[in-house]
Amino acid sequence: MKKTLVFAAATVICSTNAQASIPTDGNNYFYVGAGAVSLKKKQPLTGAVEETNPSYTVGLGREIHPHIAVEAVYSSGSTTYNNLFTSQEADVSLSQIAVSLVPATDYLGDTSLKLIGRMSVSFVKRTTDYQNIPDMTYESSTGVMVDAGIGLHWDINRRLIMRAEYITNVTDHSLGDLSKNYDYNGAQFTLGYRF
């Protein structure tokens, strides 16, 4: 009985301290960003040039604890493959709707910088648009991806935040040859606003 009371008291104290440390103002945020997070062929294509197009992201997050945030994210990126000798072209794009868990460290020294991590689970649509290739115009597949990332978070002021992150694919499911033939990774920069 005594151990049960001690456990119950410790649980209440810990939860009270955790609740007290959650920001009461400005713990919701949204952000927009751009970068070069996209597919890259693992083996170079003979006679073709790989061009990474800009990727874009928009997200909505909530800090549920000073060291943990959850986010809903939409991102899109593409890579274009141009044949060097003909006008043939293939554009491979990924669109993701993700839920992310974003852990963060304390501020680094006397700065407003934090290290962050990211683990995302996303529903993905991969499309390939072909130009000037006989009998091929469009391919599409859907599936699930798990991505991970690491980055630097900067609280510019009480409302504005900026991040620089490196994102990479950990695994995928039902996307055909994606992880066999492509790497999915890159850097992104985001600017956000707390509310």
N, C-alpha and C. Protein backbone atom coordinates (compact mmCIF):
# COMPACT_ATOMS: atom_id res chain seq x y z
N MET A 1 0.82 -1.19 0.00
CA MET A 1 0.00 0.00 0.00
C MET A 1 0.87 1.26 0.00
N LYS A 2 1.94 1.22 0.81
CA LYS A 2 2.83 2.37 0.91
C LYS A 2 3.51 2.62 -0.44
N LYS A 3 3.96 1.55 -1.12
CA LYS A 3 4.60 1.69 -2.43
C LYS A 3 3.63 2.26 -3.46
N THR A 4 2.37 1.84 -3.39
CA THR A 4 1.35 2.35 -4.31
C THR A 4 1.15 3.84 -4.13
N LEU A 5 1.10 4.30 -2.88
CA LEU A 5 0.93 5.73 -2.60
C LEU A 5 2.14 6.53 -3.07
N VAL A 6 3.35 6.01 -2.84
CA VAL A 6 4.57 6.68 -3.30
C VAL A 6 4.57 6.77 -4.83
N PHE A 7 4.23 5.67 -5.50
CA PHE A 7 4.17 5.66 -6.96
C PHE A 7 3.14 6.67 -7.47
N ALA A 8 1.95 6.69 -6.84
CA ALA A 8 0.90 7.62 -7.25
C ALA A 8 1.34 9.07 -7.04
N ALA A 9 1.98 9.35 -5.91
CA ALA A 9 2.45 10.71 -5.63
C ALA A 9 3.53 11.12 -6.64
N ALA A 10 4.46 10.21 -6.93
CA ALA A 10 5.52 10.51 -7.91
C ALA A 10 4.94 10.76 -9.29
N THR A 11 3.93 9.97 -9.64
CA THR A 11 3.28 10.16 -10.94
C THR A 11 2.62 11.53 -11.03
N VAL A 12 1.91 11.92 -9.98
CA VAL A 12 1.25 13.24 -9.97
C VAL A 12 2.26 14.36 -10.03
N ILE A 13 3.37 14.24 -9.26
CA ILE A 13 4.39 15.28 -9.25
C ILE A 13 5.05 15.40 -10.62
N CYS A 14 5.41 14.26 -11.21
CA CYS A 14 6.05 14.29 -12.54
C CYS A 14 5.12 14.85 -13.59
N SER A 15 3.87 14.46 -13.56
CA SER A 15 2.95 14.98 -14.57
C SER A 15 2.68 16.46 -14.36
N THR A 16 2.65 16.92 -13.09
CA THR A 16 2.46 18.34 -12.83
C THR A 16 3.64 19.14 -13.34
N ASN A 17 4.87 18.63 -13.10
CA ASN A 17 6.05 19.33 -13.60
C ASN A 17 6.08 19.33 -15.11
N ALA A 18 5.70 18.22 -15.74
CA ALA A 18 5.69 18.17 -17.20
C ALA A 18 4.65 19.14 -17.75
N GLN A 19 3.47 19.18 -17.15
CA GLN A 19 2.44 20.10 -17.62
C GLN A 19 2.85 21.55 -17.40
N ALA A 20 3.54 21.82 -16.30
CA ALA A 20 3.96 23.19 -16.01
C ALA A 20 5.01 23.67 -17.00
N SER A 21 5.78 22.74 -17.59
CA SER A 21 6.84 23.15 -18.50
C SER A 21 6.37 23.32 -19.94
N ILE A 22 5.13 22.94 -20.24
CA ILE A 22 4.61 23.14 -21.58
C ILE A 22 4.29 24.62 -21.77
N PRO A 23 4.76 25.24 -22.85
CA PRO A 23 4.49 26.66 -23.06
C PRO A 23 2.98 26.92 -23.11
N THR A 24 2.57 27.99 -22.46
CA THR A 24 1.15 28.33 -22.47
C THR A 24 0.80 29.27 -23.61
N ASP A 25 1.80 29.89 -24.21
CA ASP A 25 1.55 30.81 -25.31
C ASP A 25 2.54 30.50 -26.44
N GLY A 26 2.05 30.35 -27.64
CA GLY A 26 2.94 30.16 -28.78
C GLY A 26 3.46 28.75 -28.92
N ASN A 27 2.72 27.74 -28.44
CA ASN A 27 3.21 26.38 -28.62
C ASN A 27 2.67 25.73 -29.88
N ASN A 28 1.87 26.44 -30.65
CA ASN A 28 1.45 26.01 -31.99
C ASN A 28 2.27 26.80 -33.01
N TYR A 29 2.52 26.20 -34.15
CA TYR A 29 3.27 26.91 -35.19
C TYR A 29 2.95 26.33 -36.56
N PHE A 30 3.20 27.14 -37.58
CA PHE A 30 3.15 26.64 -38.95
C PHE A 30 4.42 27.11 -39.64
N TYR A 31 4.77 26.43 -40.72
CA TYR A 31 5.98 26.81 -41.44
C TYR A 31 5.86 26.46 -42.92
N VAL A 32 6.66 27.13 -43.70
CA VAL A 32 6.82 26.84 -45.12
C VAL A 32 8.32 26.73 -45.38
N GLY A 33 8.66 25.97 -46.40
CA GLY A 33 10.08 25.82 -46.67
C GLY A 33 10.35 25.30 -48.06
N ALA A 34 11.62 25.31 -48.38
CA ALA A 34 12.09 24.81 -49.68
C ALA A 34 13.44 24.15 -49.48
N GLY A 35 13.80 23.32 -50.43
CA GLY A 35 15.09 22.65 -50.35
C GLY A 35 15.35 21.79 -51.56
N ALA A 36 16.13 20.76 -51.34
CA ALA A 36 16.49 19.82 -52.40
C ALA A 36 16.30 18.39 -51.90
N VAL A 37 15.16 18.12 -51.26
CA VAL A 37 14.84 16.78 -50.79
C VAL A 37 14.12 16.06 -51.92
N SER A 38 14.80 15.11 -52.55
CA SER A 38 14.19 14.44 -53.70
C SER A 38 14.88 13.10 -53.96
N LEU A 39 14.41 12.45 -55.02
CA LEU A 39 14.96 11.15 -55.42
C LEU A 39 16.26 11.34 -56.20
N LYS A 40 17.20 10.44 -55.96
CA LYS A 40 18.44 10.40 -56.72
C LYS A 40 18.71 8.95 -57.08
N LYS A 41 19.02 8.69 -58.34
CA LYS A 41 19.31 7.33 -58.78
C LYS A 41 20.55 6.79 -58.07
N LYS A 42 20.47 5.55 -57.61
CA LYS A 42 21.63 4.93 -56.96
C LYS A 42 22.73 4.63 -57.97
N GLN A 43 22.33 4.19 -59.17
CA GLN A 43 23.28 3.93 -60.25
C GLN A 43 23.08 5.00 -61.31
N PRO A 44 24.15 5.65 -61.77
CA PRO A 44 23.99 6.69 -62.79
C PRO A 44 23.40 6.13 -64.08
N LEU A 45 22.57 6.93 -64.73
CA LEU A 45 21.98 6.54 -66.01
C LEU A 45 22.94 6.90 -67.14
N THR A 46 23.18 5.97 -68.03
CA THR A 46 24.04 6.23 -69.17
C THR A 46 23.31 7.12 -70.16
N GLY A 47 23.94 8.21 -70.54
CA GLY A 47 23.37 9.11 -71.54
C GLY A 47 22.25 9.99 -71.03
N ALA A 48 22.13 10.15 -69.73
CA ALA A 48 21.07 11.00 -69.18
C ALA A 48 21.64 11.89 -68.08
N VAL A 49 21.01 13.04 -67.92
CA VAL A 49 21.39 14.00 -66.89
C VAL A 49 20.30 14.01 -65.83
N GLU A 50 20.71 13.91 -64.58
CA GLU A 50 19.78 13.95 -63.45
C GLU A 50 19.74 15.37 -62.89
N GLU A 51 18.55 15.95 -62.85
CA GLU A 51 18.38 17.32 -62.37
C GLU A 51 17.40 17.34 -61.19
N THR A 52 17.90 17.71 -60.02
CA THR A 52 17.05 17.79 -58.83
C THR A 52 16.32 19.13 -58.85
N ASN A 53 15.01 19.07 -58.83
CA ASN A 53 14.19 20.28 -58.81
C ASN A 53 13.96 20.70 -57.35
N PRO A 54 13.62 21.96 -57.11
CA PRO A 54 13.36 22.38 -55.73
C PRO A 54 12.21 21.59 -55.11
N SER A 55 12.34 21.29 -53.83
CA SER A 55 11.26 20.65 -53.09
C SER A 55 10.62 21.70 -52.19
N TYR A 56 9.35 21.48 -51.89
CA TYR A 56 8.60 22.43 -51.07
C TYR A 56 7.90 21.70 -49.95
N THR A 57 7.75 22.36 -48.82
CA THR A 57 7.08 21.76 -47.68
C THR A 57 6.27 22.81 -46.93
N VAL A 58 5.19 22.37 -46.35
CA VAL A 58 4.37 23.21 -45.47
C VAL A 58 3.93 22.33 -44.31
N GLY A 59 3.97 22.89 -43.11
CA GLY A 59 3.65 22.07 -41.94
C GLY A 59 2.94 22.86 -40.86
N LEU A 60 2.27 22.12 -40.01
CA LEU A 60 1.58 22.66 -38.86
C LEU A 60 2.00 21.81 -37.66
N GLY A 61 2.46 22.47 -36.60
CA GLY A 61 2.99 21.72 -35.46
C GLY A 61 2.47 22.22 -34.13
N ARG A 62 2.68 21.38 -33.14
CA ARG A 62 2.34 21.73 -31.76
C ARG A 62 3.40 21.15 -30.84
N GLU A 63 3.96 22.01 -30.00
CA GLU A 63 4.89 21.55 -28.98
C GLU A 63 4.07 20.99 -27.83
N ILE A 64 4.15 19.69 -27.63
CA ILE A 64 3.41 19.06 -26.54
C ILE A 64 4.25 19.02 -25.26
N HIS A 65 5.52 19.38 -25.41
CA HIS A 65 6.47 19.45 -24.30
C HIS A 65 7.62 20.31 -24.83
N PRO A 66 8.38 20.99 -23.98
CA PRO A 66 9.49 21.81 -24.50
C PRO A 66 10.49 21.03 -25.35
N HIS A 67 10.50 19.70 -25.23
CA HIS A 67 11.46 18.90 -25.99
C HIS A 67 10.81 18.00 -27.03
N ILE A 68 9.49 18.08 -27.22
CA ILE A 68 8.81 17.22 -28.18
C ILE A 68 7.69 18.00 -28.88
N ALA A 69 7.69 17.90 -30.20
CA ALA A 69 6.61 18.48 -31.00
C ALA A 69 6.05 17.40 -31.93
N VAL A 70 4.79 17.56 -32.29
CA VAL A 70 4.18 16.72 -33.32
C VAL A 70 3.78 17.64 -34.46
N GLU A 71 3.89 17.13 -35.69
CA GLU A 71 3.61 17.95 -36.86
C GLU A 71 2.82 17.17 -37.90
N ALA A 72 2.00 17.90 -38.63
CA ALA A 72 1.37 17.40 -39.85
C ALA A 72 2.05 18.14 -41.00
N VAL A 73 2.55 17.39 -41.98
CA VAL A 73 3.40 17.97 -43.01
C VAL A 73 2.94 17.53 -44.40
N TYR A 74 2.97 18.47 -45.35
CA TYR A 74 2.82 18.13 -46.77
C TYR A 74 4.11 18.55 -47.45
N SER A 75 4.69 17.66 -48.25
CA SER A 75 5.89 18.01 -49.00
C SER A 75 5.84 17.42 -50.39
N SER A 76 6.55 18.07 -51.28
CA SER A 76 6.57 17.66 -52.67
C SER A 76 7.94 17.96 -53.27
N GLY A 77 8.46 17.02 -54.05
CA GLY A 77 9.73 17.22 -54.72
C GLY A 77 9.80 16.37 -55.97
N SER A 78 10.68 16.73 -56.88
CA SER A 78 10.80 15.96 -58.11
C SER A 78 12.22 15.99 -58.65
N THR A 79 12.50 15.01 -59.50
CA THR A 79 13.78 14.91 -60.18
C THR A 79 13.50 14.67 -61.65
N THR A 80 14.21 15.38 -62.50
CA THR A 80 14.03 15.24 -63.95
C THR A 80 15.25 14.56 -64.56
N TYR A 81 14.98 13.61 -65.46
CA TYR A 81 16.04 12.90 -66.18
C TYR A 81 15.92 13.26 -67.65
N ASN A 82 16.95 13.91 -68.19
CA ASN A 82 16.97 14.31 -69.59
C ASN A 82 17.97 13.48 -70.36
N ASN A 83 17.53 12.91 -71.49
CA ASN A 83 18.43 12.17 -72.36
C ASN A 83 19.34 13.15 -73.08
N LEU A 84 20.63 12.86 -73.09
CA LEU A 84 21.60 13.77 -73.70
C LEU A 84 21.51 13.82 -75.22
N PHE A 85 20.96 12.76 -75.84
CA PHE A 85 21.01 12.66 -77.30
C PHE A 85 19.66 12.82 -77.97
N THR A 86 18.59 12.79 -77.20
CA THR A 86 17.24 12.95 -77.77
C THR A 86 16.46 13.93 -76.90
N SER A 87 15.22 14.14 -77.25
CA SER A 87 14.37 15.03 -76.45
C SER A 87 13.57 14.26 -75.40
N GLN A 88 13.96 13.01 -75.14
CA GLN A 88 13.24 12.21 -74.16
C GLN A 88 13.52 12.71 -72.74
N GLU A 89 12.46 12.67 -71.94
CA GLU A 89 12.56 13.20 -70.58
C GLU A 89 11.62 12.43 -69.66
N ALA A 90 12.05 12.24 -68.42
CA ALA A 90 11.19 11.63 -67.40
C ALA A 90 11.26 12.48 -66.15
N ASP A 91 10.10 12.78 -65.60
CA ASP A 91 10.02 13.57 -64.38
C ASP A 91 9.42 12.68 -63.29
N VAL A 92 10.22 12.36 -62.27
CA VAL A 92 9.78 11.50 -61.17
C VAL A 92 9.52 12.39 -59.96
N SER A 93 8.28 12.36 -59.46
CA SER A 93 7.95 13.24 -58.32
C SER A 93 7.34 12.43 -57.18
N LEU A 94 7.53 12.96 -55.98
CA LEU A 94 6.95 12.39 -54.77
C LEU A 94 6.14 13.47 -54.07
N SER A 95 4.94 13.11 -53.66
CA SER A 95 4.12 13.97 -52.81
C SER A 95 3.84 13.19 -51.54
N GLN A 96 4.04 13.84 -50.39
CA GLN A 96 3.89 13.16 -49.10
C GLN A 96 2.95 13.94 -48.19
N ILE A 97 2.11 13.20 -47.47
CA ILE A 97 1.34 13.74 -46.35
C ILE A 97 1.82 12.95 -45.15
N ALA A 98 2.43 13.64 -44.17
CA ALA A 98 3.13 12.95 -43.09
C ALA A 98 2.71 13.43 -41.72
N VAL A 99 2.94 12.56 -40.76
CA VAL A 99 2.87 12.90 -39.34
C VAL A 99 4.28 12.72 -38.80
N SER A 100 4.78 13.75 -38.12
CA SER A 100 6.16 13.73 -37.64
C SER A 100 6.23 13.92 -36.13
N LEU A 101 7.19 13.25 -35.53
CA LEU A 101 7.56 13.48 -34.14
C LEU A 101 8.91 14.18 -34.18
N VAL A 102 8.99 15.35 -33.51
CA VAL A 102 10.20 16.18 -33.59
C VAL A 102 10.75 16.43 -32.19
N PRO A 103 11.72 15.61 -31.75
CA PRO A 103 12.36 15.87 -30.45
C PRO A 103 13.40 16.98 -30.58
N ALA A 104 13.62 17.72 -29.50
CA ALA A 104 14.58 18.83 -29.51
C ALA A 104 15.40 18.82 -28.22
N THR A 105 16.61 19.34 -28.30
CA THR A 105 17.47 19.48 -27.13
C THR A 105 17.11 20.77 -26.40
N ASP A 106 17.78 21.01 -25.28
CA ASP A 106 17.74 22.34 -24.65
C ASP A 106 18.47 23.30 -25.57
N TYR A 107 18.35 24.60 -25.27
CA TYR A 107 19.11 25.59 -26.03
C TYR A 107 20.61 25.30 -25.87
N LEU A 108 21.35 25.51 -26.93
CA LEU A 108 22.79 25.26 -26.92
C LEU A 108 23.50 26.47 -26.29
N GLY A 109 23.95 26.31 -25.07
CA GLY A 109 24.62 27.40 -24.37
C GLY A 109 23.70 28.59 -24.17
N ASP A 110 24.21 29.78 -24.43
CA ASP A 110 23.43 31.01 -24.29
C ASP A 110 22.86 31.46 -25.63
N THR A 111 22.56 30.52 -26.50
CA THR A 111 22.02 30.86 -27.82
C THR A 111 20.53 30.53 -27.86
N SER A 112 19.91 30.87 -28.95
CA SER A 112 18.51 30.47 -29.18
C SER A 112 18.46 29.34 -30.21
N LEU A 113 19.50 28.51 -30.23
CA LEU A 113 19.61 27.38 -31.14
C LEU A 113 19.39 26.07 -30.40
N LYS A 114 18.71 25.13 -31.08
CA LYS A 114 18.49 23.79 -30.55
C LYS A 114 18.81 22.78 -31.65
N LEU A 115 19.24 21.60 -31.25
CA LEU A 115 19.34 20.48 -32.19
C LEU A 115 17.99 19.78 -32.20
N ILE A 116 17.55 19.37 -33.38
CA ILE A 116 16.28 18.65 -33.49
C ILE A 116 16.48 17.37 -34.28
N GLY A 117 15.59 16.45 -34.04
CA GLY A 117 15.51 15.23 -34.83
C GLY A 117 14.13 15.17 -35.47
N ARG A 118 13.92 14.22 -36.34
CA ARG A 118 12.61 14.07 -36.98
C ARG A 118 12.41 12.60 -37.34
N MET A 119 11.24 12.09 -37.03
CA MET A 119 10.82 10.77 -37.48
C MET A 119 9.43 10.95 -38.06
N SER A 120 9.27 10.63 -39.33
CA SER A 120 8.01 10.85 -40.04
C SER A 120 7.49 9.56 -40.64
N VAL A 121 6.19 9.40 -40.59
CA VAL A 121 5.50 8.34 -41.31
C VAL A 121 4.57 9.04 -42.28
N SER A 122 4.66 8.67 -43.56
CA SER A 122 3.89 9.41 -44.56
C SER A 122 3.21 8.50 -45.57
N PHE A 123 2.07 8.99 -46.04
CA PHE A 123 1.41 8.42 -47.21
C PHE A 123 2.03 9.11 -48.41
N VAL A 124 2.46 8.33 -49.39
CA VAL A 124 3.24 8.86 -50.51
C VAL A 124 2.59 8.51 -51.84
N LYS A 125 2.62 9.46 -52.75
CA LYS A 125 2.25 9.19 -54.14
C LYS A 125 3.48 9.50 -55.01
N ARG A 126 3.92 8.48 -55.74
CA ARG A 126 5.04 8.67 -56.68
C ARG A 126 4.48 8.65 -58.08
N THR A 127 4.83 9.65 -58.86
CA THR A 127 4.39 9.70 -60.26
C THR A 127 5.61 9.89 -61.16
N THR A 128 5.51 9.32 -62.35
CA THR A 128 6.53 9.51 -63.37
C THR A 128 5.83 9.95 -64.64
N ASP A 129 6.18 11.14 -65.12
CA ASP A 129 5.66 11.68 -66.38
C ASP A 129 6.76 11.55 -67.43
N TYR A 130 6.41 10.93 -68.56
CA TYR A 130 7.37 10.74 -69.64
C TYR A 130 7.05 11.70 -70.77
N GLN A 131 8.09 12.26 -71.37
CA GLN A 131 7.95 13.16 -72.52
C GLN A 131 8.72 12.55 -73.69
N ASN A 132 8.07 12.44 -74.82
CA ASN A 132 8.69 11.98 -76.07
C ASN A 132 9.26 10.57 -75.98
N ILE A 133 8.63 9.72 -75.19
CA ILE A 133 9.04 8.31 -75.11
C ILE A 133 7.85 7.48 -75.62
N PRO A 134 8.02 6.75 -76.73
CA PRO A 134 6.91 5.99 -77.31
C PRO A 134 6.30 5.00 -76.30
N ASP A 135 4.99 4.91 -76.32
CA ASP A 135 4.21 3.98 -75.49
C ASP A 135 4.36 4.19 -73.99
N MET A 136 4.91 5.31 -73.57
CA MET A 136 5.02 5.60 -72.15
C MET A 136 4.62 7.05 -71.91
N THR A 137 3.64 7.27 -71.07
CA THR A 137 3.24 8.64 -70.77
C THR A 137 3.22 8.93 -69.28
N TYR A 138 2.77 7.92 -68.46
CA TYR A 138 2.53 8.22 -67.06
C TYR A 138 2.53 6.93 -66.23
N GLU A 139 3.16 6.97 -65.09
CA GLU A 139 3.11 5.87 -64.12
C GLU A 139 2.85 6.46 -62.75
N SER A 140 2.15 5.70 -61.92
CA SER A 140 1.85 6.19 -60.58
C SER A 140 1.80 5.01 -59.61
N SER A 141 2.25 5.25 -58.38
CA SER A 141 2.12 4.25 -57.33
C SER A 141 1.98 4.99 -56.00
N THR A 142 1.35 4.32 -55.05
CA THR A 142 1.18 4.89 -53.72
C THR A 142 1.71 3.92 -52.68
N GLY A 143 2.06 4.45 -51.54
CA GLY A 143 2.58 3.61 -50.48
C GLY A 143 2.87 4.42 -49.23
N VAL A 144 3.69 3.85 -48.40
CA VAL A 144 4.04 4.45 -47.12
C VAL A 144 5.56 4.56 -47.02
N MET A 145 6.03 5.67 -46.48
CA MET A 145 7.46 5.87 -46.25
C MET A 145 7.70 6.25 -44.80
N VAL A 146 8.86 5.87 -44.30
CA VAL A 146 9.33 6.33 -42.99
C VAL A 146 10.61 7.11 -43.25
N ASP A 147 10.62 8.37 -42.84
CA ASP A 147 11.78 9.24 -43.02
C ASP A 147 12.35 9.62 -41.66
N ALA A 148 13.62 9.94 -41.65
CA ALA A 148 14.29 10.44 -40.45
C ALA A 148 15.09 11.67 -40.83
N GLY A 149 15.33 12.53 -39.84
CA GLY A 149 16.09 13.72 -40.12
C GLY A 149 16.76 14.28 -38.88
N ILE A 150 17.68 15.18 -39.12
CA ILE A 150 18.37 15.88 -38.05
C ILE A 150 18.58 17.31 -38.51
N GLY A 151 18.58 18.24 -37.57
CA GLY A 151 18.73 19.61 -37.99
C GLY A 151 19.00 20.58 -36.85
N LEU A 152 18.97 21.85 -37.21
CA LEU A 152 19.20 22.94 -36.29
C LEU A 152 17.98 23.84 -36.29
N HIS A 153 17.46 24.16 -35.11
CA HIS A 153 16.28 25.00 -34.94
C HIS A 153 16.72 26.31 -34.30
N TRP A 154 16.25 27.44 -34.85
CA TRP A 154 16.62 28.75 -34.34
C TRP A 154 15.35 29.52 -33.99
N ASP A 155 15.20 29.91 -32.73
CA ASP A 155 14.12 30.81 -32.33
C ASP A 155 14.61 32.23 -32.59
N ILE A 156 14.20 32.78 -33.73
CA ILE A 156 14.66 34.12 -34.12
C ILE A 156 14.18 35.14 -33.08
N ASN A 157 12.92 35.03 -32.72
CA ASN A 157 12.35 35.83 -31.64
C ASN A 157 11.21 35.02 -31.04
N ARG A 158 10.33 35.65 -30.29
CA ARG A 158 9.26 34.92 -29.61
C ARG A 158 8.30 34.26 -30.59
N ARG A 159 8.16 34.78 -31.79
CA ARG A 159 7.20 34.27 -32.77
C ARG A 159 7.83 33.57 -33.97
N LEU A 160 8.96 34.04 -34.45
CA LEU A 160 9.55 33.49 -35.68
C LEU A 160 10.56 32.39 -35.38
N ILE A 161 10.50 31.33 -36.17
CA ILE A 161 11.46 30.23 -36.05
C ILE A 161 12.02 29.90 -37.43
N MET A 162 13.23 29.37 -37.44
CA MET A 162 13.87 28.94 -38.68
C MET A 162 14.54 27.60 -38.41
N ARG A 163 14.51 26.73 -39.42
CA ARG A 163 15.16 25.43 -39.30
C ARG A 163 15.96 25.11 -40.56
N ALA A 164 17.04 24.38 -40.34
CA ALA A 164 17.80 23.77 -41.42
C ALA A 164 17.86 22.28 -41.08
N GLU A 165 17.41 21.43 -42.00
CA GLU A 165 17.31 20.00 -41.71
C GLU A 165 17.86 19.17 -42.86
N TYR A 166 18.37 17.99 -42.51
CA TYR A 166 18.72 16.97 -43.49
C TYR A 166 17.74 15.82 -43.29
N ILE A 167 17.05 15.42 -44.36
CA ILE A 167 16.02 14.38 -44.31
C ILE A 167 16.47 13.21 -45.19
N THR A 168 16.20 11.99 -44.74
CA THR A 168 16.50 10.81 -45.55
C THR A 168 15.44 9.74 -45.33
N ASN A 169 15.24 8.91 -46.34
CA ASN A 169 14.28 7.81 -46.27
C ASN A 169 14.89 6.65 -45.50
N VAL A 170 14.12 6.09 -44.57
CA VAL A 170 14.57 4.93 -43.81
C VAL A 170 14.05 3.65 -44.46
N THR A 171 12.77 3.64 -44.79
CA THR A 171 12.17 2.48 -45.44
C THR A 171 10.90 2.92 -46.15
N ASP A 172 10.40 2.06 -47.04
CA ASP A 172 9.14 2.33 -47.72
C ASP A 172 8.42 1.02 -47.98
N HIS A 173 7.13 1.13 -48.28
CA HIS A 173 6.30 -0.04 -48.53
C HIS A 173 5.34 0.26 -49.68
N SER A 174 5.19 -0.68 -50.59
CA SER A 174 4.25 -0.60 -51.73
C SER A 174 4.61 0.49 -52.73
N LEU A 175 5.88 0.84 -52.83
CA LEU A 175 6.29 1.83 -53.81
C LEU A 175 7.19 1.22 -54.88
N GLY A 176 7.01 -0.05 -55.13
CA GLY A 176 7.75 -0.73 -56.19
C GLY A 176 9.25 -0.74 -55.94
N ASP A 177 10.00 -0.24 -56.91
CA ASP A 177 11.46 -0.29 -56.86
C ASP A 177 12.09 0.95 -56.24
N LEU A 178 11.32 1.72 -55.49
CA LEU A 178 11.82 3.00 -54.98
C LEU A 178 13.13 2.85 -54.21
N SER A 179 13.13 2.09 -53.12
CA SER A 179 14.34 2.00 -52.30
C SER A 179 15.44 1.18 -52.96
N LYS A 180 15.07 0.33 -53.93
CA LYS A 180 16.08 -0.46 -54.63
C LYS A 180 16.87 0.40 -55.62
N ASN A 181 16.19 1.31 -56.31
CA ASN A 181 16.83 2.10 -57.37
C ASN A 181 17.13 3.55 -57.02
N TYR A 182 16.49 4.07 -55.96
CA TYR A 182 16.63 5.49 -55.64
C TYR A 182 17.03 5.70 -54.19
N ASP A 183 17.77 6.78 -53.96
CA ASP A 183 17.95 7.33 -52.63
C ASP A 183 17.02 8.52 -52.53
N TYR A 184 16.40 8.70 -51.38
CA TYR A 184 15.54 9.86 -51.15
C TYR A 184 16.13 10.61 -49.97
N ASN A 185 16.71 11.78 -50.24
CA ASN A 185 17.32 12.57 -49.17
C ASN A 185 17.58 13.98 -49.65
N GLY A 186 18.05 14.81 -48.73
CA GLY A 186 18.40 16.17 -49.07
C GLY A 186 18.18 17.13 -47.91
N ALA A 187 18.52 18.38 -48.15
CA ALA A 187 18.41 19.43 -47.14
C ALA A 187 17.20 20.31 -47.42
N GLN A 188 16.63 20.83 -46.35
CA GLN A 188 15.53 21.79 -46.50
C GLN A 188 15.67 22.89 -45.46
N PHE A 189 15.18 24.07 -45.82
CA PHE A 189 15.17 25.23 -44.92
C PHE A 189 13.73 25.68 -44.77
N THR A 190 13.32 25.95 -43.53
CA THR A 190 11.95 26.37 -43.28
C THR A 190 11.93 27.61 -42.41
N LEU A 191 10.88 28.40 -42.60
CA LEU A 191 10.62 29.59 -41.79
C LEU A 191 9.23 29.44 -41.23
N GLY A 192 9.09 29.62 -39.91
CA GLY A 192 7.81 29.40 -39.27
C GLY A 192 7.37 30.52 -38.37
N TYR A 193 6.11 30.43 -37.94
CA TYR A 193 5.51 31.45 -37.08
C TYR A 193 4.74 30.74 -35.95
N ARG A 194 5.03 31.12 -34.72
CA ARG A 194 4.32 30.58 -33.56
C ARG A 194 3.05 31.38 -33.31
N PHE A 195 2.02 30.66 -32.87
CA PHE A 195 0.77 31.33 -32.50
C PHE A 195 0.12 30.64 -31.34
